[in-house]
Amino acid sequence: MADNLTDTAENAALNWTLGNASTGPTGDIKVALVTVAGSDSAPGTEVTGGSYARLTADFAAASGGATSNEADLVWEDMPAATVVGVELWDSAGSPVRWWYGPLTDSEGDPAPKTLDAGDDFKIAAGSLTITLG
């Protein structure tokens, strides 16, 4: 996900780098799956049903302007859906959306994933890459 900061995250990053604030995400970072893509200013349509719930992700320390998830993320017993992207939310009482982006293949092309009811969906360790630059 390059250049996919939400408006909230862009403002927080600018304020932090310019010494105007020290705020950042609250609590764990949660990965949400979406069936309709969001934008800088609006969240996408999140998957619902089955045993779907946002999953907590840990990210490696950034290097070279990039980082990625340290462990597999596996959603089991998904509802029938076509997942087109992911969003990263914090764990505040009213969660804040920080990042968003499409599912892509190894060449960076959009790669939505159609799931049947009961399917599992996996994002392998190192595959959810976040970049700045």
N, C-alpha and C. Protein backbone atom coordinates (compact mmCIF):
# COMPACT_ATOMS: atom_id res chain seq x y z
N MET A 1 0.85 -1.16 0.00
CA MET A 1 0.00 0.00 0.00
C MET A 1 0.90 1.23 0.00
N ALA A 2 1.12 1.78 -1.15
CA ALA A 2 1.91 3.00 -1.25
C ALA A 2 0.98 4.18 -1.47
N ASP A 3 1.25 5.28 -0.80
CA ASP A 3 0.46 6.49 -0.92
C ASP A 3 -1.01 6.23 -0.64
N ASN A 4 -1.30 5.42 0.38
CA ASN A 4 -2.66 5.12 0.75
C ASN A 4 -2.94 5.51 2.20
N LEU A 5 -2.36 6.61 2.63
CA LEU A 5 -2.69 7.15 3.95
C LEU A 5 -4.05 7.82 3.88
N THR A 6 -4.83 7.65 4.93
CA THR A 6 -6.10 8.37 5.01
C THR A 6 -5.80 9.85 5.27
N ASP A 7 -6.80 10.69 5.10
CA ASP A 7 -6.62 12.11 5.41
C ASP A 7 -6.20 12.29 6.87
N THR A 8 -6.79 11.51 7.77
CA THR A 8 -6.45 11.57 9.19
C THR A 8 -4.97 11.25 9.40
N ALA A 9 -4.49 10.19 8.75
CA ALA A 9 -3.09 9.79 8.90
C ALA A 9 -2.14 10.81 8.28
N GLU A 10 -2.51 11.37 7.14
CA GLU A 10 -1.67 12.39 6.50
C GLU A 10 -1.49 13.58 7.43
N ASN A 11 -2.58 14.05 8.02
CA ASN A 11 -2.50 15.18 8.94
C ASN A 11 -1.68 14.83 10.19
N ALA A 12 -1.88 13.63 10.73
CA ALA A 12 -1.12 13.21 11.91
C ALA A 12 0.37 13.12 11.59
N ALA A 13 0.71 12.58 10.42
CA ALA A 13 2.12 12.47 10.03
C ALA A 13 2.76 13.85 9.86
N LEU A 14 2.06 14.75 9.21
CA LEU A 14 2.58 16.11 9.06
C LEU A 14 2.77 16.77 10.42
N ASN A 15 1.77 16.68 11.27
CA ASN A 15 1.87 17.28 12.60
C ASN A 15 3.01 16.69 13.41
N TRP A 16 3.19 15.36 13.33
CA TRP A 16 4.25 14.70 14.07
C TRP A 16 5.62 15.13 13.55
N THR A 17 5.82 15.09 12.23
CA THR A 17 7.14 15.41 11.68
C THR A 17 7.51 16.88 11.87
N LEU A 18 6.51 17.74 12.04
CA LEU A 18 6.78 19.16 12.23
C LEU A 18 6.72 19.57 13.70
N GLY A 19 6.61 18.58 14.59
CA GLY A 19 6.63 18.85 16.02
C GLY A 19 5.36 19.45 16.58
N ASN A 20 4.27 19.35 15.84
CA ASN A 20 3.01 19.94 16.31
C ASN A 20 2.16 18.98 17.13
N ALA A 21 2.51 17.71 17.13
CA ALA A 21 1.75 16.71 17.90
C ALA A 21 2.57 15.44 18.02
N SER A 22 2.27 14.66 19.01
CA SER A 22 2.95 13.37 19.18
C SER A 22 1.97 12.22 19.10
N THR A 23 0.84 12.46 18.48
CA THR A 23 -0.22 11.46 18.45
C THR A 23 0.02 10.42 17.35
N GLY A 24 -0.52 9.26 17.57
CA GLY A 24 -0.46 8.18 16.60
C GLY A 24 -1.58 7.21 16.89
N PRO A 25 -1.55 6.07 16.25
CA PRO A 25 -2.61 5.08 16.49
C PRO A 25 -2.69 4.68 17.97
N THR A 26 -3.90 4.40 18.42
CA THR A 26 -4.15 3.97 19.78
C THR A 26 -4.32 2.46 19.81
N GLY A 27 -3.51 1.78 20.60
CA GLY A 27 -3.64 0.34 20.75
C GLY A 27 -3.17 -0.44 19.53
N ASP A 28 -3.64 -1.67 19.45
CA ASP A 28 -3.24 -2.57 18.36
C ASP A 28 -3.75 -2.07 17.01
N ILE A 29 -3.02 -2.42 15.96
CA ILE A 29 -3.46 -2.16 14.59
C ILE A 29 -4.28 -3.36 14.14
N LYS A 30 -5.47 -3.08 13.64
CA LYS A 30 -6.40 -4.12 13.17
C LYS A 30 -6.51 -4.05 11.65
N VAL A 31 -6.54 -5.22 11.01
CA VAL A 31 -6.70 -5.30 9.57
C VAL A 31 -8.14 -5.65 9.26
N ALA A 32 -8.77 -4.81 8.46
CA ALA A 32 -10.14 -5.02 8.01
C ALA A 32 -10.12 -5.38 6.53
N LEU A 33 -11.03 -6.26 6.13
CA LEU A 33 -11.19 -6.61 4.72
C LEU A 33 -12.40 -5.87 4.17
N VAL A 34 -12.27 -5.36 2.93
CA VAL A 34 -13.37 -4.59 2.34
C VAL A 34 -13.79 -5.18 1.00
N THR A 35 -15.09 -5.02 0.72
CA THR A 35 -15.67 -5.49 -0.55
C THR A 35 -15.85 -4.34 -1.54
N VAL A 36 -15.81 -3.12 -1.04
CA VAL A 36 -15.81 -1.91 -1.87
C VAL A 36 -14.70 -1.03 -1.33
N ALA A 37 -13.82 -0.56 -2.23
CA ALA A 37 -12.65 0.20 -1.82
C ALA A 37 -13.03 1.54 -1.20
N GLY A 38 -12.23 1.95 -0.23
CA GLY A 38 -12.38 3.26 0.37
C GLY A 38 -11.49 4.27 -0.34
N SER A 39 -11.41 5.45 0.25
CA SER A 39 -10.59 6.54 -0.29
C SER A 39 -9.86 7.21 0.88
N ASP A 40 -9.12 8.27 0.56
CA ASP A 40 -8.45 9.01 1.64
C ASP A 40 -9.44 9.47 2.70
N SER A 41 -10.63 9.86 2.27
CA SER A 41 -11.58 10.48 3.19
C SER A 41 -12.73 9.58 3.65
N ALA A 42 -12.92 8.43 3.02
CA ALA A 42 -14.06 7.58 3.37
C ALA A 42 -13.66 6.11 3.41
N PRO A 43 -14.11 5.39 4.45
CA PRO A 43 -13.80 3.96 4.51
C PRO A 43 -14.54 3.18 3.44
N GLY A 44 -14.00 2.00 3.13
CA GLY A 44 -14.68 1.09 2.22
C GLY A 44 -15.80 0.37 2.93
N THR A 45 -16.43 -0.56 2.21
CA THR A 45 -17.49 -1.39 2.78
C THR A 45 -16.86 -2.65 3.35
N GLU A 46 -16.91 -2.78 4.67
CA GLU A 46 -16.25 -3.90 5.34
C GLU A 46 -17.06 -5.18 5.20
N VAL A 47 -16.35 -6.29 5.10
CA VAL A 47 -16.96 -7.62 5.07
C VAL A 47 -17.79 -7.79 6.35
N THR A 48 -18.92 -8.47 6.25
CA THR A 48 -19.72 -8.82 7.42
C THR A 48 -20.19 -10.26 7.27
N GLY A 49 -20.48 -10.89 8.38
CA GLY A 49 -21.04 -12.24 8.36
C GLY A 49 -19.99 -13.31 8.62
N GLY A 50 -20.46 -14.56 8.63
CA GLY A 50 -19.58 -15.68 8.94
C GLY A 50 -18.93 -15.43 10.29
N SER A 51 -17.67 -15.81 10.42
CA SER A 51 -16.96 -15.51 11.67
C SER A 51 -15.99 -14.36 11.46
N TYR A 52 -16.23 -13.55 10.43
CA TYR A 52 -15.34 -12.44 10.12
C TYR A 52 -15.24 -11.45 11.28
N ALA A 53 -14.02 -11.04 11.56
CA ALA A 53 -13.72 -9.94 12.49
C ALA A 53 -12.35 -9.40 12.10
N ARG A 54 -12.11 -8.16 12.41
CA ARG A 54 -10.79 -7.58 12.15
C ARG A 54 -9.73 -8.36 12.94
N LEU A 55 -8.55 -8.50 12.34
CA LEU A 55 -7.45 -9.19 13.00
C LEU A 55 -6.34 -8.22 13.36
N THR A 56 -5.69 -8.49 14.49
CA THR A 56 -4.55 -7.69 14.93
C THR A 56 -3.32 -8.07 14.13
N ALA A 57 -2.58 -7.05 13.67
CA ALA A 57 -1.35 -7.29 12.92
C ALA A 57 -0.19 -6.61 13.62
N ASP A 58 0.95 -7.28 13.61
CA ASP A 58 2.20 -6.70 14.06
C ASP A 58 3.06 -6.45 12.83
N PHE A 59 3.74 -5.31 12.81
CA PHE A 59 4.56 -4.94 11.68
C PHE A 59 6.01 -4.82 12.11
N ALA A 60 6.91 -5.24 11.22
CA ALA A 60 8.34 -5.13 11.47
C ALA A 60 8.74 -3.66 11.49
N ALA A 61 9.88 -3.37 12.11
CA ALA A 61 10.40 -2.00 12.08
C ALA A 61 10.65 -1.61 10.62
N ALA A 62 10.28 -0.39 10.29
CA ALA A 62 10.44 0.07 8.91
C ALA A 62 11.91 0.18 8.53
N SER A 63 12.18 -0.11 7.26
CA SER A 63 13.52 0.00 6.69
C SER A 63 13.36 0.38 5.23
N GLY A 64 14.10 1.36 4.78
CA GLY A 64 14.00 1.76 3.38
C GLY A 64 12.64 2.32 3.01
N GLY A 65 11.91 2.84 3.99
CA GLY A 65 10.60 3.42 3.73
C GLY A 65 9.49 2.41 3.61
N ALA A 66 9.72 1.17 4.10
CA ALA A 66 8.69 0.13 3.99
C ALA A 66 8.69 -0.77 5.21
N THR A 67 7.56 -1.41 5.43
CA THR A 67 7.42 -2.42 6.47
C THR A 67 6.36 -3.42 6.00
N SER A 68 6.26 -4.55 6.70
CA SER A 68 5.24 -5.55 6.35
C SER A 68 4.84 -6.33 7.59
N ASN A 69 3.73 -7.07 7.45
CA ASN A 69 3.22 -7.87 8.57
C ASN A 69 4.21 -8.97 8.93
N GLU A 70 4.37 -9.21 10.23
CA GLU A 70 5.34 -10.18 10.71
C GLU A 70 4.82 -11.61 10.75
N ALA A 71 3.52 -11.79 10.75
CA ALA A 71 2.94 -13.13 10.84
C ALA A 71 1.76 -13.26 9.88
N ASP A 72 1.42 -14.51 9.56
CA ASP A 72 0.24 -14.75 8.73
C ASP A 72 -1.00 -14.16 9.39
N LEU A 73 -1.89 -13.64 8.57
CA LEU A 73 -3.22 -13.21 9.02
C LEU A 73 -4.21 -14.16 8.36
N VAL A 74 -4.98 -14.88 9.15
CA VAL A 74 -5.90 -15.87 8.60
C VAL A 74 -7.30 -15.64 9.16
N TRP A 75 -8.23 -15.37 8.26
CA TRP A 75 -9.64 -15.27 8.60
C TRP A 75 -10.27 -16.60 8.24
N GLU A 76 -10.88 -17.27 9.21
CA GLU A 76 -11.49 -18.58 8.97
C GLU A 76 -13.00 -18.43 8.84
N ASP A 77 -13.60 -19.36 8.10
CA ASP A 77 -15.05 -19.43 7.96
C ASP A 77 -15.65 -18.10 7.51
N MET A 78 -15.11 -17.60 6.41
CA MET A 78 -15.57 -16.32 5.86
C MET A 78 -16.96 -16.46 5.24
N PRO A 79 -17.68 -15.34 5.14
CA PRO A 79 -18.94 -15.35 4.39
C PRO A 79 -18.62 -15.29 2.89
N ALA A 80 -19.60 -15.58 2.06
CA ALA A 80 -19.42 -15.40 0.62
C ALA A 80 -19.20 -13.91 0.37
N ALA A 81 -18.12 -13.57 -0.31
CA ALA A 81 -17.78 -12.16 -0.55
C ALA A 81 -16.66 -12.08 -1.57
N THR A 82 -16.54 -10.92 -2.19
CA THR A 82 -15.37 -10.63 -3.01
C THR A 82 -14.59 -9.53 -2.31
N VAL A 83 -13.42 -9.89 -1.80
CA VAL A 83 -12.57 -8.96 -1.08
C VAL A 83 -11.72 -8.20 -2.10
N VAL A 84 -11.80 -6.86 -2.06
CA VAL A 84 -11.06 -6.05 -3.01
C VAL A 84 -9.89 -5.31 -2.36
N GLY A 85 -9.89 -5.21 -1.02
CA GLY A 85 -8.81 -4.47 -0.38
C GLY A 85 -8.80 -4.64 1.12
N VAL A 86 -7.85 -3.95 1.74
CA VAL A 86 -7.69 -3.96 3.19
C VAL A 86 -7.63 -2.55 3.71
N GLU A 87 -7.96 -2.40 4.99
CA GLU A 87 -7.81 -1.14 5.69
C GLU A 87 -7.17 -1.42 7.04
N LEU A 88 -6.36 -0.49 7.52
CA LEU A 88 -5.74 -0.61 8.83
C LEU A 88 -6.38 0.41 9.77
N TRP A 89 -6.89 -0.11 10.88
CA TRP A 89 -7.57 0.70 11.89
C TRP A 89 -6.83 0.54 13.21
N ASP A 90 -6.92 1.54 14.07
CA ASP A 90 -6.37 1.37 15.41
C ASP A 90 -7.45 0.78 16.31
N SER A 91 -7.16 0.70 17.60
CA SER A 91 -8.07 0.06 18.56
C SER A 91 -8.65 1.05 19.55
N ALA A 92 -8.74 2.31 19.17
CA ALA A 92 -9.33 3.32 20.04
C ALA A 92 -10.79 2.98 20.31
N GLY A 93 -11.37 3.59 21.34
CA GLY A 93 -12.79 3.38 21.64
C GLY A 93 -13.66 3.66 20.42
N SER A 94 -13.34 4.69 19.68
CA SER A 94 -13.91 4.94 18.35
C SER A 94 -12.76 4.78 17.38
N PRO A 95 -12.59 3.58 16.79
CA PRO A 95 -11.41 3.29 15.98
C PRO A 95 -11.19 4.31 14.86
N VAL A 96 -9.91 4.58 14.60
CA VAL A 96 -9.49 5.51 13.56
C VAL A 96 -8.85 4.70 12.43
N ARG A 97 -9.26 5.00 11.20
CA ARG A 97 -8.70 4.34 10.01
C ARG A 97 -7.45 5.10 9.59
N TRP A 98 -6.32 4.35 9.40
CA TRP A 98 -5.04 4.98 9.09
C TRP A 98 -4.58 4.72 7.66
N TRP A 99 -4.77 3.52 7.16
CA TRP A 99 -4.29 3.13 5.83
C TRP A 99 -5.38 2.37 5.11
N TYR A 100 -5.28 2.33 3.79
CA TYR A 100 -6.19 1.53 2.97
C TYR A 100 -5.48 1.18 1.67
N GLY A 101 -5.92 0.15 1.02
CA GLY A 101 -5.34 -0.19 -0.28
C GLY A 101 -5.96 -1.44 -0.87
N PRO A 102 -5.77 -1.62 -2.17
CA PRO A 102 -6.35 -2.78 -2.86
C PRO A 102 -5.53 -4.04 -2.66
N LEU A 103 -6.17 -5.19 -2.84
CA LEU A 103 -5.42 -6.44 -2.96
C LEU A 103 -4.75 -6.40 -4.33
N THR A 104 -3.48 -6.77 -4.38
CA THR A 104 -2.77 -6.78 -5.66
C THR A 104 -2.00 -8.08 -5.83
N ASP A 105 -1.66 -8.36 -7.09
CA ASP A 105 -0.83 -9.52 -7.38
C ASP A 105 0.64 -9.13 -7.27
N SER A 106 1.53 -10.04 -7.62
CA SER A 106 2.97 -9.79 -7.48
C SER A 106 3.47 -8.67 -8.38
N GLU A 107 2.69 -8.31 -9.38
CA GLU A 107 3.09 -7.24 -10.28
C GLU A 107 2.40 -5.91 -9.95
N GLY A 108 1.62 -5.90 -8.86
CA GLY A 108 0.96 -4.67 -8.43
C GLY A 108 -0.39 -4.42 -9.08
N ASP A 109 -0.89 -5.39 -9.86
CA ASP A 109 -2.20 -5.24 -10.48
C ASP A 109 -3.30 -5.64 -9.51
N PRO A 110 -4.48 -5.00 -9.60
CA PRO A 110 -5.59 -5.38 -8.72
C PRO A 110 -5.88 -6.88 -8.81
N ALA A 111 -6.12 -7.49 -7.65
CA ALA A 111 -6.36 -8.93 -7.60
C ALA A 111 -7.43 -9.24 -6.56
N PRO A 112 -8.70 -8.85 -6.83
CA PRO A 112 -9.76 -9.18 -5.88
C PRO A 112 -9.84 -10.70 -5.69
N LYS A 113 -10.30 -11.09 -4.51
CA LYS A 113 -10.41 -12.52 -4.19
C LYS A 113 -11.86 -12.84 -3.86
N THR A 114 -12.45 -13.74 -4.66
CA THR A 114 -13.83 -14.18 -4.43
C THR A 114 -13.82 -15.39 -3.50
N LEU A 115 -14.62 -15.30 -2.44
CA LEU A 115 -14.69 -16.36 -1.44
C LEU A 115 -16.09 -16.96 -1.41
N ASP A 116 -16.14 -18.26 -1.24
CA ASP A 116 -17.41 -18.93 -0.97
C ASP A 116 -17.61 -18.98 0.54
N ALA A 117 -18.85 -19.08 0.97
CA ALA A 117 -19.14 -19.20 2.40
C ALA A 117 -18.34 -20.36 2.98
N GLY A 118 -17.67 -20.12 4.10
CA GLY A 118 -16.87 -21.14 4.76
C GLY A 118 -15.41 -21.15 4.36
N ASP A 119 -15.03 -20.41 3.31
CA ASP A 119 -13.62 -20.35 2.90
C ASP A 119 -12.80 -19.62 3.96
N ASP A 120 -11.50 -19.91 3.95
CA ASP A 120 -10.54 -19.15 4.73
C ASP A 120 -9.88 -18.13 3.80
N PHE A 121 -9.43 -17.03 4.36
CA PHE A 121 -8.70 -16.01 3.61
C PHE A 121 -7.41 -15.72 4.36
N LYS A 122 -6.29 -15.73 3.63
CA LYS A 122 -4.99 -15.58 4.28
C LYS A 122 -4.15 -14.49 3.60
N ILE A 123 -3.53 -13.68 4.43
CA ILE A 123 -2.48 -12.77 3.99
C ILE A 123 -1.21 -13.28 4.64
N ALA A 124 -0.30 -13.82 3.83
CA ALA A 124 0.91 -14.42 4.35
C ALA A 124 1.84 -13.38 4.99
N ALA A 125 2.63 -13.84 5.94
CA ALA A 125 3.62 -12.97 6.58
C ALA A 125 4.46 -12.31 5.49
N GLY A 126 4.67 -11.01 5.63
CA GLY A 126 5.48 -10.26 4.68
C GLY A 126 4.74 -9.80 3.44
N SER A 127 3.46 -10.18 3.30
CA SER A 127 2.72 -9.85 2.09
C SER A 127 1.92 -8.56 2.20
N LEU A 128 1.66 -8.09 3.39
CA LEU A 128 0.94 -6.83 3.58
C LEU A 128 2.01 -5.75 3.78
N THR A 129 2.40 -5.15 2.67
CA THR A 129 3.52 -4.21 2.67
C THR A 129 3.00 -2.78 2.68
N ILE A 130 3.57 -1.98 3.58
CA ILE A 130 3.22 -0.58 3.72
C ILE A 130 4.46 0.22 3.37
N THR A 131 4.30 1.19 2.46
CA THR A 131 5.46 1.98 2.03
C THR A 131 5.12 3.48 2.06
N LEU A 132 6.15 4.27 2.24
CA LEU A 132 6.08 5.72 2.09
C LEU A 132 7.15 6.09 1.07
N GLY A 133 6.80 7.02 0.24
CA GLY A 133 7.82 7.47 -0.70
C GLY A 133 7.36 7.48 -2.11
